[in-house]
Amino acid sequence: MDLVIRNVRVIDGTGGASYRADVGLAGGRIAGIRREGAPRLGGRRELDATGLALSPGFIDMHAHSDLALLRDPDHSAKAAQGVTLEVLGQDGLSYAPVDDATLTEVRKAITGWNGGAPGDTAVDFDWRTVGEYLDRLDRGIAVNAAYLVPQGTVRMYAVGWDDRPATPAELARMKQLVAEGLEQGAVGMSSGLTYTPGMYAGDAELTELCRVVARYDGYYCPHHRSYGAGALEAYEDMVSLTRDAGCALHLAHATMNFGLNKGKAPDLLALLDQALDDGADISLDTYPYTPGCTTLVAMLPSWAGEGGPEATLARLKDDESAEKIRHHLEEIGSDGCHGVPIEWDTIEISGVSDPGLASCVGRTVQQAADQRGEIPWATARRLLISDRLGSTILQHVGHEENVRQIMRHRVHTGGSDGILQGDKPHPRAYGTFPQYLGRYARDLGILSLEETVAHLTSRPAARLRLPDRGLIREGYRADLVLFDPDTIAAGSSFDAPRTLPVGIPYVLIDGRFVIEDGSRTDVLAGRSVRRTPS
């Protein structure tokens, strides 16, 4: 064996009882498991893991590390949590497939998520297709990565920023782009149906694209049309749409937010249970926190985004258009804010693209407006214009009882939705997985440790159709985490969001130490994980 991990508590990812064993690794695979009393394994190196638990590497089903993996080889934000695989291309917006013009537009549109604005040279953007992007990842990254074809980017490429149905020729082009992305290794397709331009697609258009996804045995991962007003109907719409298309469904950050959905998690879970019992193929992910995180511009009504970022800025600069935007935000409830009138005291500025605006970070829009002696919309409007739509926010609209109930569900998986940009990012980016294991499993007993590990490993591996990941079994890939069940905890907090977790001394990818003795090594063992042809 290359390495034998001695006397370790094996939590194998099945959700069943843990057991004590020696585990041997060779050639990047789990090559031997010897329970207590069996003949001992020999190895060139041994690690005494007394007091530690060994689990499969954690799979982050909702990540926004599309550029961070290329820009930051260290990537301790995820590696230190025990994440060995991230799913990128989320919320319908990412950087492939594109042509030159689309790449410029998408870089503008999601600067608040990932950085990478036009003019930023930290990443070379030397790809255009999904396959080329995955090839770029294969040059060596901190953790493994899978990719979803982003439907909003596809629509931007084929249709532009127009709020209208696609023509037959445009729909055919979008179907072709989705098929090509899946053929090149994408595991499915994502949407962001409160983000322009993807939200301009009607259900019939989405159904046609999902039929393509289904042909490749992929899955559809929508950020659906509302997590606020009409949230339950929006979930029901996605269930119906994918069942009509014959496509597997994975619900992104499956929350029930805002005051009108307090205590409504049982309604969502009943809807999903009925569909599952009827034979639907559904899974979901959540993060173990109550606030959300996105960009400030995402709050605007969809019509304000028609034409792209420059058109949005022009509307914000025009007093008449800006007043119309304010009316939709504050009095009607914009579709960007999930049909709920915005409450500025729940919108905390977490990051800005322009360093000159850093004084805004850490305050709500209401607090910043009060300090200036002006109405909140005036503050928000100024920030949007000055930061060229690049500001990120925390949105404090969640409910703890909903979070706890949803994480117990039989098809639940973990997803950080971690946006790494900004001076004060959401702590979920650095803390989701130890938060599940430390706070919710050990401290609160919401789930057992074994159940929690299954949610973070074998369940997502099954959704991704990965035949050799997510379990501790002989022959499986040696993507593994060693953690201390008594001390594991998220170090990140809302006050110190970039603090690394504690209680995770070792993380291995492909049998190589990415984290060793609690510190990041220089190993770049991560590669793309591509759809396995059916």
Protein backbone atom coordinates (compact mmCIF):
# COMPACT_ATOMS: atom_id res chain seq x y z
CA MET A 1 0.00 0.00 0.00
CA ASP A 2 1.09 3.58 -0.59
CA LEU A 3 -0.57 4.58 2.69
CA VAL A 4 -2.32 2.73 5.49
CA ILE A 5 -4.65 4.72 7.74
CA ARG A 6 -4.61 2.86 11.05
CA ASN A 7 -7.25 2.44 13.74
CA VAL A 8 -9.75 4.84 12.19
CA ARG A 9 -13.50 5.10 12.68
CA VAL A 10 -14.87 4.48 9.19
CA ILE A 11 -18.05 6.38 8.30
CA ASP A 12 -18.48 4.85 4.89
CA GLY A 13 -21.13 7.08 3.31
CA THR A 14 -23.97 4.55 3.32
CA GLY A 15 -25.62 6.08 6.40
CA GLY A 16 -25.12 2.81 8.28
CA ALA A 17 -23.21 2.24 11.49
CA SER A 18 -19.57 3.23 11.59
CA TYR A 19 -16.84 0.70 12.33
CA ARG A 20 -13.16 0.64 13.22
CA ALA A 21 -10.65 -0.49 10.61
CA ASP A 22 -7.35 0.01 8.85
CA VAL A 23 -7.78 1.42 5.34
CA GLY A 24 -5.09 1.05 2.69
CA LEU A 25 -4.61 3.21 -0.39
CA ALA A 26 -2.71 2.41 -3.56
CA GLY A 27 -2.63 4.09 -6.95
CA GLY A 28 -5.17 6.69 -5.98
CA ARG A 29 -7.76 4.07 -4.96
CA ILE A 30 -8.97 2.43 -1.78
CA ALA A 31 -7.12 -0.87 -2.06
CA GLY A 32 -7.89 -2.58 1.23
CA ILE A 33 -10.17 -2.34 4.27
CA ARG A 34 -9.36 -4.50 7.30
CA ARG A 35 -11.73 -4.42 10.23
CA GLU A 36 -10.53 -5.04 13.76
CA GLY A 37 -9.22 -8.58 14.17
CA ALA A 38 -8.42 -9.11 10.46
CA PRO A 39 -4.83 -9.47 9.19
CA ARG A 40 -3.05 -6.12 9.13
CA LEU A 41 -2.27 -4.25 5.95
CA GLY A 42 1.30 -3.20 5.25
CA GLY A 43 2.23 0.08 3.64
CA ARG A 44 5.12 2.34 2.72
CA ARG A 45 3.60 4.98 4.99
CA GLU A 46 1.30 4.64 7.97
CA LEU A 47 -0.93 7.21 9.62
CA ASP A 48 -2.26 6.61 13.12
CA ALA A 49 -5.82 7.97 13.00
CA THR A 50 -6.85 7.10 16.56
CA GLY A 51 -9.67 9.45 17.56
CA LEU A 52 -10.44 10.45 13.97
CA ALA A 53 -13.23 9.52 11.58
CA LEU A 54 -12.64 8.67 7.93
CA SER A 55 -15.34 9.53 5.40
CA PRO A 56 -15.55 9.90 1.64
CA GLY A 57 -14.68 13.38 0.41
CA PHE A 58 -17.52 15.87 0.58
CA ILE A 59 -19.28 16.87 -2.63
CA ASP A 60 -20.42 20.48 -2.89
CA MET A 61 -23.50 20.27 -5.09
CA HIS A 62 -23.75 24.04 -5.56
CA ALA A 63 -20.48 25.93 -5.94
CA HIS A 64 -19.45 29.24 -7.47
CA SER A 65 -15.74 28.46 -7.83
CA ASP A 66 -15.77 28.66 -11.63
CA LEU A 67 -12.92 31.19 -11.68
CA ALA A 68 -11.61 30.78 -8.12
CA LEU A 69 -10.24 27.32 -8.95
CA LEU A 70 -8.17 28.90 -11.73
CA ARG A 71 -7.24 32.12 -9.96
CA ASP A 72 -6.37 30.67 -6.54
CA PRO A 73 -4.47 27.36 -6.63
CA ASP A 74 -4.64 27.15 -2.82
CA HIS A 75 -8.47 27.23 -2.65
CA SER A 76 -8.44 26.47 1.07
CA ALA A 77 -11.97 27.85 1.28
CA LYS A 78 -13.17 24.45 0.05
CA ALA A 79 -10.19 22.12 0.49
CA ALA A 80 -9.96 22.84 4.22
CA GLN A 81 -13.64 21.87 4.63
CA GLY A 82 -13.00 18.41 3.20
CA VAL A 83 -14.61 19.21 -0.14
CA THR A 84 -13.07 17.03 -2.83
CA LEU A 85 -15.56 17.77 -5.64
CA GLU A 86 -17.51 20.90 -6.55
CA VAL A 87 -20.33 21.26 -9.08
CA LEU A 88 -19.86 24.46 -11.09
CA GLY A 89 -21.91 26.25 -13.77
CA GLN A 90 -24.68 27.04 -11.32
CA ASP A 91 -27.72 29.31 -11.47
CA GLY A 92 -27.73 29.44 -15.26
CA LEU A 93 -24.68 31.70 -15.61
CA SER A 94 -21.09 30.70 -16.23
CA TYR A 95 -18.34 30.99 -18.82
CA ALA A 96 -18.98 28.20 -21.35
CA PRO A 97 -20.26 27.76 -23.97
CA VAL A 98 -19.59 31.27 -25.29
CA ASP A 99 -18.34 33.27 -28.20
CA ASP A 100 -16.23 36.38 -27.65
CA ALA A 101 -19.18 38.75 -27.33
CA THR A 102 -21.09 36.47 -24.95
CA LEU A 103 -18.01 35.98 -22.78
CA THR A 104 -17.65 39.74 -22.37
CA GLU A 105 -21.32 40.05 -21.40
CA VAL A 106 -21.33 37.18 -18.92
CA ARG A 107 -18.13 38.48 -17.31
CA LYS A 108 -19.97 41.77 -16.70
CA ALA A 109 -23.13 40.06 -15.52
CA ILE A 110 -21.60 37.91 -12.76
CA THR A 111 -18.65 40.00 -11.61
CA GLY A 112 -20.33 40.07 -8.19
CA TRP A 113 -20.26 36.28 -8.00
CA ASN A 114 -16.82 35.51 -9.34
CA GLY A 115 -14.83 38.63 -10.15
CA GLY A 116 -13.39 38.37 -13.64
CA ALA A 117 -14.81 41.62 -15.00
CA PRO A 118 -13.58 42.68 -18.44
CA GLY A 119 -10.07 44.00 -17.93
CA ASP A 120 -9.32 41.60 -15.06
CA THR A 121 -6.31 39.55 -16.18
CA ALA A 122 -6.09 37.10 -13.26
CA VAL A 123 -7.69 34.40 -15.45
CA ASP A 124 -6.77 34.06 -19.11
CA PHE A 125 -10.18 32.86 -20.42
CA ASP A 126 -8.49 30.73 -23.09
CA TRP A 127 -11.58 28.57 -23.69
CA ARG A 128 -14.93 28.97 -25.40
CA THR A 129 -16.59 25.52 -25.29
CA VAL A 130 -17.53 23.39 -22.29
CA GLY A 131 -14.92 20.83 -23.29
CA GLU A 132 -12.20 23.48 -23.49
CA TYR A 133 -13.15 24.78 -20.03
CA LEU A 134 -12.96 21.26 -18.59
CA ASP A 135 -9.62 20.79 -20.33
CA ARG A 136 -8.43 23.97 -18.63
CA LEU A 137 -9.40 22.51 -15.25
CA ASP A 138 -7.46 19.37 -16.12
CA ARG A 139 -4.19 21.28 -16.03
CA GLY A 140 -4.46 20.93 -12.25
CA ILE A 141 -6.75 22.46 -9.62
CA ALA A 142 -7.14 22.19 -5.86
CA VAL A 143 -10.25 19.96 -5.85
CA ASN A 144 -12.21 18.07 -8.47
CA ALA A 145 -14.96 19.85 -10.42
CA ALA A 146 -18.03 18.88 -12.44
CA TYR A 147 -19.91 21.33 -14.65
CA LEU A 148 -23.51 22.13 -15.54
CA VAL A 149 -24.36 23.77 -18.88
CA PRO A 150 -25.68 27.22 -17.83
CA GLN A 151 -29.01 27.84 -19.55
CA GLY A 152 -28.85 31.62 -19.09
CA THR A 153 -25.47 31.77 -20.81
CA VAL A 154 -26.81 29.54 -23.60
CA ARG A 155 -29.76 31.90 -24.08
CA MET A 156 -27.45 34.92 -24.02
CA TYR A 157 -25.38 33.25 -26.76
CA ALA A 158 -28.32 32.25 -28.98
CA VAL A 159 -30.97 34.92 -28.29
CA GLY A 160 -29.24 37.80 -26.53
CA TRP A 161 -30.80 39.84 -23.72
CA ASP A 162 -34.28 40.16 -25.26
CA ASP A 163 -37.29 39.37 -23.08
CA ARG A 164 -39.21 37.34 -25.66
CA PRO A 165 -39.78 33.74 -26.73
CA ALA A 166 -36.98 32.18 -28.74
CA THR A 167 -37.59 31.67 -32.44
CA PRO A 168 -37.55 28.08 -33.74
CA ALA A 169 -34.04 28.65 -35.11
CA GLU A 170 -32.85 30.07 -31.79
CA LEU A 171 -34.37 27.19 -29.85
CA ALA A 172 -32.67 24.72 -32.16
CA ARG A 173 -29.37 26.51 -31.57
CA MET A 174 -29.83 26.37 -27.79
CA LYS A 175 -30.63 22.67 -27.93
CA GLN A 176 -27.49 22.14 -29.97
CA LEU A 177 -25.36 24.07 -27.48
CA VAL A 178 -26.77 22.09 -24.54
CA ALA A 179 -26.19 18.79 -26.37
CA GLU A 180 -22.62 19.75 -27.24
CA GLY A 181 -21.90 20.68 -23.63
CA LEU A 182 -23.23 17.34 -22.40
CA GLU A 183 -21.28 15.45 -25.06
CA GLN A 184 -18.14 17.25 -23.88
CA GLY A 185 -18.66 16.14 -20.29
CA ALA A 186 -21.18 18.38 -18.50
CA VAL A 187 -23.34 16.49 -16.00
CA GLY A 188 -26.54 18.44 -16.60
CA MET A 189 -27.98 21.92 -17.06
CA SER A 190 -28.65 24.73 -14.62
CA SER A 191 -30.98 27.73 -14.72
CA GLY A 192 -31.28 30.95 -12.77
CA LEU A 193 -34.92 31.84 -13.22
CA THR A 194 -34.73 35.06 -11.22
CA TYR A 195 -31.61 36.13 -13.17
CA THR A 196 -31.57 37.72 -16.62
CA PRO A 197 -31.48 36.62 -19.37
CA GLY A 198 -32.25 33.01 -18.38
CA MET A 199 -35.48 34.03 -16.65
CA TYR A 200 -36.86 35.23 -20.00
CA ALA A 201 -37.31 31.59 -21.05
CA GLY A 202 -40.82 30.21 -20.77
CA ASP A 203 -41.63 26.75 -19.48
CA ALA A 204 -42.10 25.33 -22.98
CA GLU A 205 -38.59 26.43 -23.92
CA LEU A 206 -37.13 24.98 -20.73
CA THR A 207 -38.97 21.71 -21.29
CA GLU A 208 -37.41 21.36 -24.73
CA LEU A 209 -33.93 21.92 -23.29
CA CYS A 210 -34.63 19.43 -20.51
CA ARG A 211 -35.55 16.82 -23.10
CA VAL A 212 -32.02 17.19 -24.44
CA VAL A 213 -30.57 16.81 -20.93
CA ALA A 214 -32.63 13.67 -20.40
CA ARG A 215 -31.26 12.08 -23.57
CA TYR A 216 -27.79 12.26 -22.02
CA ASP A 217 -28.94 10.98 -18.61
CA GLY A 218 -28.09 14.33 -17.04
CA TYR A 219 -30.11 16.36 -14.58
CA TYR A 220 -31.72 19.79 -14.48
CA CYS A 221 -30.70 22.07 -11.63
CA PRO A 222 -32.91 25.16 -11.48
CA HIS A 223 -32.73 28.15 -9.23
CA HIS A 224 -36.43 28.42 -9.85
CA ARG A 225 -38.72 31.40 -10.29
CA SER A 226 -39.43 32.29 -6.66
CA TYR A 227 -38.27 31.45 -3.16
CA GLY A 228 -40.71 34.02 -1.79
CA ALA A 229 -44.22 34.78 -3.07
CA GLY A 230 -45.56 31.72 -4.84
CA ALA A 231 -42.56 29.61 -3.81
CA LEU A 232 -44.53 26.39 -3.52
CA GLU A 233 -46.07 26.91 -6.95
CA ALA A 234 -42.59 27.58 -8.37
CA TYR A 235 -41.34 24.28 -6.97
CA GLU A 236 -44.40 22.51 -8.34
CA ASP A 237 -43.73 24.06 -11.75
CA MET A 238 -40.20 22.60 -11.84
CA VAL A 239 -41.43 19.17 -10.79
CA SER A 240 -44.11 19.21 -13.50
CA LEU A 241 -41.79 20.55 -16.17
CA THR A 242 -39.08 17.94 -15.63
CA ARG A 243 -41.55 15.08 -15.38
CA ASP A 244 -43.02 16.15 -18.71
CA ALA A 245 -39.50 16.18 -20.17
CA GLY A 246 -38.53 12.87 -18.58
CA CYS A 247 -35.59 14.60 -16.93
CA ALA A 248 -34.09 14.16 -13.47
CA LEU A 249 -34.49 17.22 -11.21
CA HIS A 250 -32.11 18.61 -8.61
CA LEU A 251 -33.49 21.64 -6.77
CA ALA A 252 -30.84 24.25 -6.03
CA HIS A 253 -30.64 25.76 -2.53
CA ALA A 254 -34.13 24.46 -1.78
CA THR A 255 -35.30 27.02 0.75
CA MET A 256 -38.58 28.66 1.76
CA ASN A 257 -37.74 32.28 2.47
CA PHE A 258 -39.30 35.60 3.51
CA GLY A 259 -41.94 36.14 6.17
CA LEU A 260 -44.78 34.62 4.18
CA ASN A 261 -42.98 31.23 4.08
CA LYS A 262 -42.10 30.95 7.75
CA GLY A 263 -42.94 27.40 8.87
CA LYS A 264 -43.82 26.31 5.33
CA ALA A 265 -41.10 23.66 4.88
CA PRO A 266 -43.58 20.80 5.52
CA ASP A 267 -45.64 21.97 2.54
CA LEU A 268 -42.62 21.77 0.27
CA LEU A 269 -41.57 18.37 1.58
CA ALA A 270 -45.09 16.99 1.15
CA LEU A 271 -45.06 18.15 -2.48
CA LEU A 272 -41.72 16.43 -3.08
CA ASP A 273 -42.73 13.25 -1.28
CA GLN A 274 -45.84 12.94 -3.42
CA ALA A 275 -43.79 13.33 -6.61
CA LEU A 276 -41.14 10.89 -5.38
CA ASP A 277 -43.77 8.33 -4.47
CA ASP A 278 -45.20 8.73 -7.97
CA GLY A 279 -41.81 7.84 -9.46
CA ALA A 280 -40.19 11.24 -10.06
CA ASP A 281 -36.38 11.45 -9.93
CA ILE A 282 -35.74 14.39 -7.58
CA SER A 283 -32.97 15.53 -5.27
CA LEU A 284 -32.12 18.86 -3.65
CA ASP A 285 -29.38 20.73 -1.86
CA THR A 286 -29.29 23.30 0.93
CA TYR A 287 -26.74 25.22 2.98
CA PRO A 288 -27.04 25.22 6.80
CA TYR A 289 -27.60 28.96 7.28
CA THR A 290 -30.60 31.28 7.10
CA PRO A 291 -29.40 34.28 5.02
CA GLY A 292 -29.01 34.08 1.27
CA CYS A 293 -26.32 35.69 -0.86
CA THR A 294 -26.43 37.13 -4.37
CA THR A 295 -25.83 40.41 -6.19
CA LEU A 296 -27.66 43.65 -5.52
CA VAL A 297 -28.60 43.97 -9.19
CA ALA A 298 -30.38 40.61 -8.98
CA MET A 299 -33.08 42.30 -6.90
CA LEU A 300 -34.21 44.46 -9.82
CA PRO A 301 -37.27 43.59 -11.92
CA SER A 302 -36.47 41.49 -14.96
CA TRP A 303 -37.47 44.20 -17.42
CA ALA A 304 -34.67 46.38 -16.03
CA GLY A 305 -32.13 43.82 -17.26
CA GLU A 306 -33.35 43.57 -20.83
CA GLY A 307 -30.54 44.48 -23.20
CA GLY A 308 -27.78 43.52 -20.80
CA PRO A 309 -25.69 45.23 -18.10
CA GLU A 310 -25.07 48.46 -20.00
CA ALA A 311 -28.79 48.88 -20.65
CA THR A 312 -29.47 48.27 -16.95
CA LEU A 313 -27.00 50.98 -15.99
CA ALA A 314 -28.63 53.39 -18.45
CA ARG A 315 -32.03 52.77 -16.85
CA LEU A 316 -30.61 53.35 -13.38
CA LYS A 317 -29.12 56.67 -14.49
CA ASP A 318 -32.42 57.82 -15.97
CA ASP A 319 -34.62 59.33 -13.24
CA GLU A 320 -37.93 58.20 -14.72
CA SER A 321 -36.77 54.60 -15.26
CA ALA A 322 -35.12 54.52 -11.85
CA GLU A 323 -38.36 55.59 -10.18
CA LYS A 324 -40.20 52.81 -12.00
CA ILE A 325 -37.60 50.33 -10.71
CA ARG A 326 -38.04 51.67 -7.16
CA HIS A 327 -41.81 51.30 -7.42
CA HIS A 328 -41.49 47.66 -8.46
CA LEU A 329 -38.95 46.92 -5.74
CA GLU A 330 -40.59 48.65 -2.81
CA GLU A 331 -44.31 48.59 -3.57
CA ILE A 332 -45.11 45.75 -5.97
CA GLY A 333 -42.40 43.20 -5.25
CA SER A 334 -40.11 42.60 -8.22
CA ASP A 335 -39.60 39.19 -9.77
CA GLY A 336 -35.90 39.63 -9.00
CA CYS A 337 -36.81 39.83 -5.31
CA HIS A 338 -39.11 36.82 -5.57
CA GLY A 339 -42.33 38.83 -5.74
CA VAL A 340 -41.86 40.29 -2.24
CA PRO A 341 -41.55 44.05 -1.62
CA ILE A 342 -37.95 44.63 -0.65
CA GLU A 343 -37.06 45.38 2.97
CA TRP A 344 -33.84 47.35 2.90
CA ASP A 345 -32.96 46.47 6.48
CA THR A 346 -32.56 42.82 5.36
CA ILE A 347 -30.13 43.67 2.53
CA GLU A 348 -26.55 43.71 3.86
CA ILE A 349 -23.77 44.80 1.50
CA SER A 350 -21.17 42.03 1.60
CA GLY A 351 -18.80 43.01 -1.18
CA VAL A 352 -18.01 45.64 -3.78
CA SER A 353 -15.94 45.50 -6.96
CA ASP A 354 -14.69 49.09 -6.59
CA PRO A 355 -12.35 49.33 -3.57
CA GLY A 356 -13.37 52.95 -3.17
CA LEU A 357 -16.79 51.77 -2.01
CA ALA A 358 -15.48 49.46 0.72
CA SER A 359 -16.95 51.61 3.49
CA CYS A 360 -20.39 50.29 2.48
CA VAL A 361 -19.51 46.68 3.29
CA GLY A 362 -21.01 45.19 6.43
CA ARG A 363 -23.94 47.59 6.62
CA THR A 364 -27.49 47.15 5.45
CA VAL A 365 -28.78 49.46 2.77
CA GLN A 366 -31.09 50.93 5.40
CA GLN A 367 -28.15 51.66 7.75
CA ALA A 368 -26.11 53.21 4.95
CA ALA A 369 -29.06 55.37 3.92
CA ASP A 370 -29.73 56.49 7.49
CA GLN A 371 -26.12 57.53 7.84
CA ARG A 372 -26.40 59.65 4.69
CA GLY A 373 -29.82 61.01 5.59
CA GLU A 374 -31.50 59.75 2.42
CA ILE A 375 -34.03 57.16 1.37
CA PRO A 376 -32.71 53.59 0.93
CA TRP A 377 -33.38 53.48 -2.80
CA ALA A 378 -31.13 56.50 -3.32
CA THR A 379 -28.31 54.63 -1.58
CA ALA A 380 -28.94 51.40 -3.48
CA ARG A 381 -29.18 53.21 -6.80
CA ARG A 382 -25.93 55.07 -6.22
CA LEU A 383 -24.14 51.85 -5.27
CA LEU A 384 -25.42 49.98 -8.31
CA ILE A 385 -24.21 52.73 -10.64
CA SER A 386 -20.90 53.42 -8.91
CA ASP A 387 -19.99 49.74 -8.63
CA ARG A 388 -21.21 48.98 -12.15
CA LEU A 389 -23.60 46.30 -10.83
CA GLY A 390 -20.74 44.42 -9.13
CA SER A 391 -21.93 44.59 -5.51
CA THR A 392 -22.82 41.44 -3.58
CA ILE A 393 -25.31 41.21 -0.73
CA LEU A 394 -26.46 39.02 2.09
CA GLN A 395 -30.24 38.79 2.22
CA HIS A 396 -31.48 38.03 5.74
CA VAL A 397 -34.80 36.39 4.87
CA GLY A 398 -34.49 32.74 5.96
CA HIS A 399 -36.02 30.71 8.79
CA GLU A 400 -34.15 28.26 11.01
CA GLU A 401 -37.07 25.85 11.37
CA ASN A 402 -37.31 25.54 7.58
CA VAL A 403 -33.56 24.93 7.30
CA ARG A 404 -33.67 22.12 9.87
CA GLN A 405 -36.70 20.37 8.43
CA ILE A 406 -35.48 20.41 4.84
CA MET A 407 -32.03 19.04 5.73
CA ARG A 408 -33.65 15.93 7.17
CA HIS A 409 -35.31 14.97 3.90
CA ARG A 410 -34.55 11.65 2.21
CA VAL A 411 -33.18 13.26 -1.00
CA HIS A 412 -31.28 16.11 0.66
CA THR A 413 -27.64 16.85 -0.19
CA GLY A 414 -25.27 19.63 0.84
CA GLY A 415 -24.40 22.64 -1.30
CA SER A 416 -22.53 25.71 -0.08
CA ASP A 417 -23.73 28.16 -2.77
CA GLY A 418 -20.44 29.73 -1.74
CA ILE A 419 -19.73 33.09 -3.35
CA LEU A 420 -16.06 33.79 -2.61
CA GLN A 421 -16.06 37.43 -3.73
CA GLY A 422 -16.29 40.43 -1.46
CA ASP A 423 -14.73 41.71 1.73
CA LYS A 424 -17.42 40.05 3.83
CA PRO A 425 -18.67 36.96 2.00
CA HIS A 426 -21.32 34.65 3.37
CA PRO A 427 -19.65 32.26 5.88
CA ARG A 428 -21.23 29.31 4.08
CA ALA A 429 -18.43 29.58 1.49
CA TYR A 430 -15.87 28.58 4.13
CA GLY A 431 -18.04 26.68 6.59
CA THR A 432 -20.94 24.69 5.11
CA PHE A 433 -19.62 21.15 5.58
CA PRO A 434 -18.16 21.43 9.10
CA GLN A 435 -21.30 23.36 10.02
CA TYR A 436 -23.41 20.35 9.06
CA LEU A 437 -21.19 17.90 10.93
CA GLY A 438 -20.40 19.99 13.99
CA ARG A 439 -23.42 22.15 14.73
CA TYR A 440 -26.29 20.21 13.17
CA ALA A 441 -25.17 16.60 13.67
CA ARG A 442 -23.06 16.61 16.84
CA ASP A 443 -24.40 19.61 18.76
CA LEU A 444 -28.08 19.67 17.79
CA GLY A 445 -28.64 16.06 16.80
CA ILE A 446 -30.75 16.99 13.78
CA LEU A 447 -29.17 14.04 11.98
CA SER A 448 -26.74 11.36 13.13
CA LEU A 449 -23.13 11.74 12.08
CA GLU A 450 -23.48 8.75 9.76
CA GLU A 451 -26.62 10.15 8.14
CA THR A 452 -25.01 13.55 7.67
CA VAL A 453 -21.98 12.06 5.95
CA ALA A 454 -24.30 10.19 3.56
CA HIS A 455 -26.01 13.48 2.67
CA LEU A 456 -22.63 14.99 1.82
CA THR A 457 -21.08 12.05 -0.05
CA SER A 458 -22.98 9.07 -1.46
CA ARG A 459 -26.21 10.94 -2.20
CA PRO A 460 -24.57 13.60 -4.36
CA ALA A 461 -22.35 10.96 -6.00
CA ALA A 462 -25.50 9.04 -6.95
CA ARG A 463 -27.09 12.17 -8.43
CA LEU A 464 -23.92 12.77 -10.46
CA ARG A 465 -23.93 9.14 -11.64
CA LEU A 466 -20.41 8.58 -10.29
CA PRO A 467 -19.75 4.85 -10.00
CA ASP A 468 -16.57 5.05 -7.91
CA ARG A 469 -17.01 7.99 -5.54
CA GLY A 470 -19.06 8.76 -2.46
CA LEU A 471 -18.41 5.57 -0.50
CA ILE A 472 -15.51 3.94 1.32
CA ARG A 473 -15.23 0.69 -0.56
CA GLU A 474 -12.36 -1.20 -2.12
CA GLY A 475 -11.76 0.02 -5.66
CA TYR A 476 -13.30 3.45 -5.06
CA ARG A 477 -11.28 6.61 -5.55
CA ALA A 478 -9.23 7.70 -2.58
CA ASP A 479 -10.93 11.09 -2.16
CA LEU A 480 -11.16 11.07 1.62
CA VAL A 481 -11.54 13.23 4.72
CA LEU A 482 -10.17 12.57 8.20
CA PHE A 483 -11.92 14.65 10.84
CA ASP A 484 -12.33 14.74 14.59
CA PRO A 485 -16.02 14.17 15.42
CA ASP A 486 -15.57 15.86 18.80
CA THR A 487 -14.05 19.11 17.54
CA ILE A 488 -15.05 19.62 13.91
CA ALA A 489 -16.64 23.05 13.52
CA ALA A 490 -16.95 25.90 11.07
CA GLY A 491 -14.46 28.63 11.88
CA SER A 492 -16.21 31.11 9.63
CA SER A 493 -18.82 33.49 11.03
CA PHE A 494 -20.64 36.55 9.78
CA ASP A 495 -18.03 38.70 11.54
CA ALA A 496 -15.03 36.65 10.33
CA PRO A 497 -16.28 34.85 7.22
CA ARG A 498 -12.93 33.71 5.83
CA THR A 499 -11.82 31.80 8.94
CA LEU A 500 -10.99 28.18 8.15
CA PRO A 501 -12.66 25.28 9.99
CA VAL A 502 -11.18 23.27 12.83
CA GLY A 503 -11.08 19.52 13.37
CA ILE A 504 -10.21 18.50 9.78
CA PRO A 505 -6.50 17.58 9.86
CA TYR A 506 -6.31 15.55 6.64
CA VAL A 507 -7.94 15.67 3.21
CA LEU A 508 -6.86 13.44 0.33
CA ILE A 509 -7.69 13.62 -3.37
CA ASP A 510 -6.58 10.76 -5.58
CA GLY A 511 -4.73 9.39 -2.55
CA ARG A 512 -2.60 12.55 -2.21
CA PHE A 513 -2.69 14.87 0.75
CA VAL A 514 -4.33 18.20 -0.07
CA ILE A 515 -4.59 19.03 3.64
CA GLU A 516 -1.94 17.48 5.91
CA ASP A 517 -1.61 18.12 9.64
CA GLY A 518 -4.23 20.84 9.23
CA SER A 519 -2.35 22.81 6.56
CA ARG A 520 -2.76 23.14 2.82
CA THR A 521 -0.09 21.37 0.79
CA ASP A 522 0.99 22.42 -2.72
CA VAL A 523 -0.75 19.40 -4.29
CA LEU A 524 -3.11 20.15 -7.20
CA ALA A 525 -4.76 16.74 -7.51
CA GLY A 526 -8.13 18.03 -8.71
CA ARG A 527 -9.34 17.46 -12.25
CA SER A 528 -12.61 17.73 -14.16
CA VAL A 529 -15.19 15.03 -13.45
CA ARG A 530 -17.08 14.45 -16.67
CA ARG A 531 -20.41 12.84 -17.40
CA THR A 532 -20.03 9.13 -17.91
CA PRO A 533 -21.54 8.19 -21.29
CA SER A 534 -24.60 5.98 -20.80
